[in-house]
Amino acid sequence: MDESFRGRNSVNHNLPKPIAFNCWKHHMGYIKDALISNDLCNFSHLNIHEIIQFIGDSNVDFYYGDLDTISISDQIICRITAEIDLNIDNFTEWVSSKGRDYKEIVLSDGSSWTIRLGQIDNRFIHIHPSRYSKKTLRVKSSTLKTAVAFFFNFGFSTENISVEKINYIRHKIVKLPLFKSNSSLAALSRVVGVFSLD
């Protein structure tokens, strides 16, 4: 089972070290693959509630491009090691060398990624999609949480969306206020539309 299902840490421990990446919060392909895998077949609403807490409580920059999490990690490590001998001291100096606490790296698909010093000793390269990057959608965390719980319960078909089903998810699983009308579904529909792309 993927380490990020264990309810202990939002970082995916299957990625190459020293990358720290919250795939539940930032990577559509990862979420989609996880939700259709056998790993989640016996999960209860409590487990899903634990998983969606990995998404956090702020705005989210959400990557929907074709690069998988391993490719993203490998490309970032490759770019950094082309400039420095990779260890925590060299990385700390490199990432703050221009008077900021981060750098941005553009990957092979044109998406831009923000690189920061992480808080885990053996995963000290914290990555996430850059704000308003190509192949990235900026959404409220509550919207993404609702979408993930909805997909787990009802699948990825856009025909399944209704205010009644969304409100069931928001009330029983995500613990958020109910939507009052179809107009409230606009932001959620954007996220669902991205997940439905093949």
Protein backbone atom coordinates (compact mmCIF):
# COMPACT_ATOMS: atom_id res chain seq x y z
CA MET A 1 0.00 0.00 0.00
CA ASP A 2 1.22 3.52 -0.82
CA GLU A 3 2.79 5.15 2.24
CA SER A 4 0.61 8.23 1.79
CA PHE A 5 -2.48 6.14 2.67
CA ARG A 6 -1.24 5.49 6.20
CA GLY A 7 -2.72 8.65 7.71
CA ARG A 8 0.60 9.76 9.18
CA ASN A 9 2.23 12.01 6.60
CA SER A 10 1.17 13.94 3.53
CA VAL A 11 4.51 13.35 1.76
CA ASN A 12 4.70 10.49 -0.73
CA HIS A 13 7.51 8.23 0.51
CA ASN A 14 7.64 6.29 -2.76
CA LEU A 15 9.32 9.20 -4.53
CA PRO A 16 13.11 9.37 -4.86
CA LYS A 17 14.91 11.03 -1.98
CA PRO A 18 15.38 13.88 -1.19
CA ILE A 19 12.05 14.97 -2.76
CA ALA A 20 9.14 15.95 -0.48
CA PHE A 21 5.90 16.22 -2.48
CA ASN A 22 2.29 16.15 -1.27
CA CYS A 23 0.76 14.29 -4.20
CA TRP A 24 -2.76 14.35 -2.71
CA LYS A 25 -2.67 18.13 -2.71
CA HIS A 26 -0.92 18.84 -6.00
CA HIS A 27 -1.12 16.00 -8.58
CA MET A 28 -4.26 14.97 -10.46
CA GLY A 29 -2.81 11.81 -12.00
CA TYR A 30 -1.70 10.51 -8.62
CA ILE A 31 -5.12 11.09 -7.07
CA LYS A 32 -6.94 9.53 -9.99
CA ASP A 33 -4.71 6.44 -10.01
CA ALA A 34 -5.02 6.06 -6.24
CA LEU A 35 -8.80 6.32 -6.27
CA ILE A 36 -9.22 3.63 -8.92
CA SER A 37 -6.62 1.28 -7.43
CA ASN A 38 -7.39 -1.75 -5.29
CA ASP A 39 -5.65 -0.04 -2.37
CA LEU A 40 -8.81 1.94 -1.64
CA CYS A 41 -11.42 -0.78 -2.17
CA ASN A 42 -12.01 -1.40 1.53
CA PHE A 43 -11.62 2.16 2.75
CA SER A 44 -14.35 3.59 4.97
CA HIS A 45 -15.50 7.20 5.06
CA LEU A 46 -13.18 7.73 8.02
CA ASN A 47 -10.18 6.70 5.93
CA ILE A 48 -11.24 8.96 3.08
CA HIS A 49 -11.67 11.77 5.60
CA GLU A 50 -8.08 11.18 6.76
CA ILE A 51 -6.80 11.19 3.19
CA ILE A 52 -8.50 14.45 2.24
CA GLN A 53 -6.92 16.14 5.26
CA PHE A 54 -3.61 15.86 3.36
CA ILE A 55 -5.01 18.56 1.05
CA GLY A 56 -4.85 21.17 3.82
CA ASP A 57 -6.95 24.30 4.29
CA SER A 58 -5.63 26.89 1.84
CA ASN A 59 -5.68 27.56 -1.88
CA VAL A 60 -4.09 24.76 -3.89
CA ASP A 61 -2.05 24.82 -7.09
CA PHE A 62 -3.08 21.57 -8.72
CA TYR A 63 -1.08 19.97 -11.57
CA TYR A 64 -3.12 18.17 -14.25
CA GLY A 65 -0.41 17.58 -16.86
CA ASP A 66 0.92 14.27 -18.17
CA LEU A 67 4.13 13.97 -16.12
CA ASP A 68 3.82 11.42 -13.32
CA THR A 69 5.21 12.06 -9.86
CA ILE A 70 8.40 10.05 -10.49
CA SER A 71 9.16 11.95 -13.73
CA ILE A 72 8.62 15.29 -12.00
CA SER A 73 10.91 14.28 -9.14
CA ASP A 74 13.60 12.90 -11.45
CA GLN A 75 13.61 16.01 -13.66
CA ILE A 76 13.90 18.31 -10.65
CA ILE A 77 16.73 16.28 -9.11
CA CYS A 78 18.51 16.19 -12.49
CA ARG A 79 18.25 19.98 -12.89
CA ILE A 80 19.55 20.64 -9.37
CA THR A 81 22.42 18.14 -9.58
CA ALA A 82 23.52 19.80 -12.83
CA GLU A 83 24.28 22.88 -10.70
CA ILE A 84 25.37 21.51 -7.30
CA ASP A 85 26.62 18.42 -5.51
CA LEU A 86 23.33 17.48 -3.84
CA ASN A 87 23.36 17.51 -0.05
CA ILE A 88 21.33 19.54 2.42
CA ASP A 89 24.00 22.20 3.01
CA ASN A 90 24.63 22.82 -0.69
CA PHE A 91 20.91 22.80 -1.42
CA THR A 92 20.16 25.28 1.38
CA GLU A 93 22.74 27.68 -0.03
CA TRP A 94 21.61 27.15 -3.64
CA VAL A 95 17.87 27.59 -3.04
CA SER A 96 18.40 30.91 -1.24
CA SER A 97 21.20 32.23 -3.47
CA LYS A 98 19.11 35.00 -5.07
CA GLY A 99 17.81 36.48 -1.83
CA ARG A 100 14.59 34.43 -1.83
CA ASP A 101 13.71 31.20 -0.04
CA TYR A 102 12.74 29.36 -3.24
CA LYS A 103 13.61 28.76 -6.88
CA GLU A 104 11.49 27.85 -9.87
CA ILE A 105 12.26 25.12 -12.38
CA VAL A 106 10.46 24.62 -15.70
CA LEU A 107 10.02 20.96 -16.64
CA SER A 108 9.87 19.24 -20.04
CA ASP A 109 6.12 19.85 -20.47
CA GLY A 110 6.44 23.59 -19.78
CA SER A 111 5.03 23.38 -16.25
CA SER A 112 6.78 25.47 -13.60
CA TRP A 113 7.63 24.08 -10.16
CA THR A 114 8.55 25.90 -6.96
CA ILE A 115 11.46 24.42 -5.03
CA ARG A 116 11.95 25.16 -1.32
CA LEU A 117 13.89 23.82 1.63
CA GLY A 118 11.78 21.07 3.19
CA GLN A 119 11.33 20.18 6.84
CA ILE A 120 12.20 16.47 6.64
CA ASP A 121 15.89 15.59 6.99
CA ASN A 122 16.08 12.99 4.23
CA ARG A 123 13.48 14.79 2.07
CA PHE A 124 14.78 18.32 2.12
CA ILE A 125 13.65 19.36 -1.40
CA HIS A 126 10.04 20.46 -1.02
CA ILE A 127 8.28 20.84 -4.39
CA HIS A 128 4.89 22.03 -5.57
CA PRO A 129 3.47 23.45 -8.81
CA SER A 130 4.12 27.16 -9.17
CA ARG A 131 1.20 29.53 -8.91
CA TYR A 132 -0.55 29.95 -12.28
CA SER A 133 1.87 27.58 -14.00
CA LYS A 134 0.96 25.92 -17.28
CA LYS A 135 -1.03 22.72 -16.73
CA THR A 136 -1.99 23.89 -13.25
CA LEU A 137 -5.34 24.90 -11.78
CA ARG A 138 -5.65 27.07 -8.66
CA VAL A 139 -8.54 25.94 -6.47
CA LYS A 140 -9.74 26.20 -2.89
CA SER A 141 -8.77 23.22 -0.79
CA SER A 142 -12.42 22.70 0.16
CA THR A 143 -13.26 22.29 -3.54
CA LEU A 144 -10.51 19.73 -4.08
CA LYS A 145 -11.47 17.82 -0.92
CA THR A 146 -15.08 17.66 -2.10
CA ALA A 147 -14.01 16.46 -5.55
CA VAL A 148 -11.73 13.71 -4.20
CA ALA A 149 -14.40 12.39 -1.82
CA PHE A 150 -17.01 12.61 -4.59
CA PHE A 151 -14.86 10.62 -7.02
CA PHE A 152 -14.20 7.96 -4.41
CA ASN A 153 -17.92 7.50 -3.77
CA PHE A 154 -19.43 8.06 -7.22
CA GLY A 155 -16.67 7.60 -9.82
CA PHE A 156 -15.33 10.01 -12.44
CA SER A 157 -18.40 10.46 -14.65
CA THR A 158 -19.61 14.05 -14.90
CA GLU A 159 -23.15 12.69 -15.31
CA ASN A 160 -23.16 11.71 -11.63
CA ILE A 161 -22.89 15.27 -10.33
CA SER A 162 -25.89 16.70 -8.54
CA VAL A 163 -26.38 19.09 -5.64
CA GLU A 164 -27.83 16.22 -3.60
CA LYS A 165 -24.79 13.97 -4.07
CA ILE A 166 -22.33 16.80 -3.49
CA ASN A 167 -24.13 17.83 -0.31
CA TYR A 168 -24.03 14.24 0.92
CA ILE A 169 -20.24 14.27 0.43
CA ARG A 170 -19.78 17.71 1.98
CA HIS A 171 -21.91 16.89 5.04
CA LYS A 172 -20.94 13.26 5.75
CA ILE A 173 -17.30 13.11 4.66
CA VAL A 174 -15.71 16.51 4.13
CA LYS A 175 -17.61 18.20 7.00
CA LEU A 176 -18.32 21.40 5.06
CA PRO A 177 -21.47 23.53 4.69
CA LEU A 178 -24.03 22.36 2.15
CA PHE A 179 -24.37 23.89 -1.32
CA LYS A 180 -27.68 25.68 -1.77
CA SER A 181 -28.02 25.66 -5.56
CA ASN A 182 -26.53 24.50 -8.85
CA SER A 183 -24.65 27.82 -9.11
CA SER A 184 -22.52 26.69 -6.17
CA LEU A 185 -21.21 23.82 -8.30
CA ALA A 186 -19.24 26.08 -10.69
CA ALA A 187 -15.82 25.77 -9.01
CA LEU A 188 -16.32 22.07 -8.40
CA SER A 189 -17.28 21.55 -12.04
CA ARG A 190 -13.94 23.05 -13.11
CA VAL A 191 -12.05 20.47 -11.05
CA VAL A 192 -14.28 17.62 -12.21
CA GLY A 193 -13.74 18.73 -15.81
CA VAL A 194 -9.97 18.50 -15.40
CA PHE A 195 -10.22 15.01 -13.86
CA SER A 196 -12.40 13.90 -16.76
CA LEU A 197 -9.75 14.79 -19.37
CA ASP A 198 -7.98 11.79 -20.91
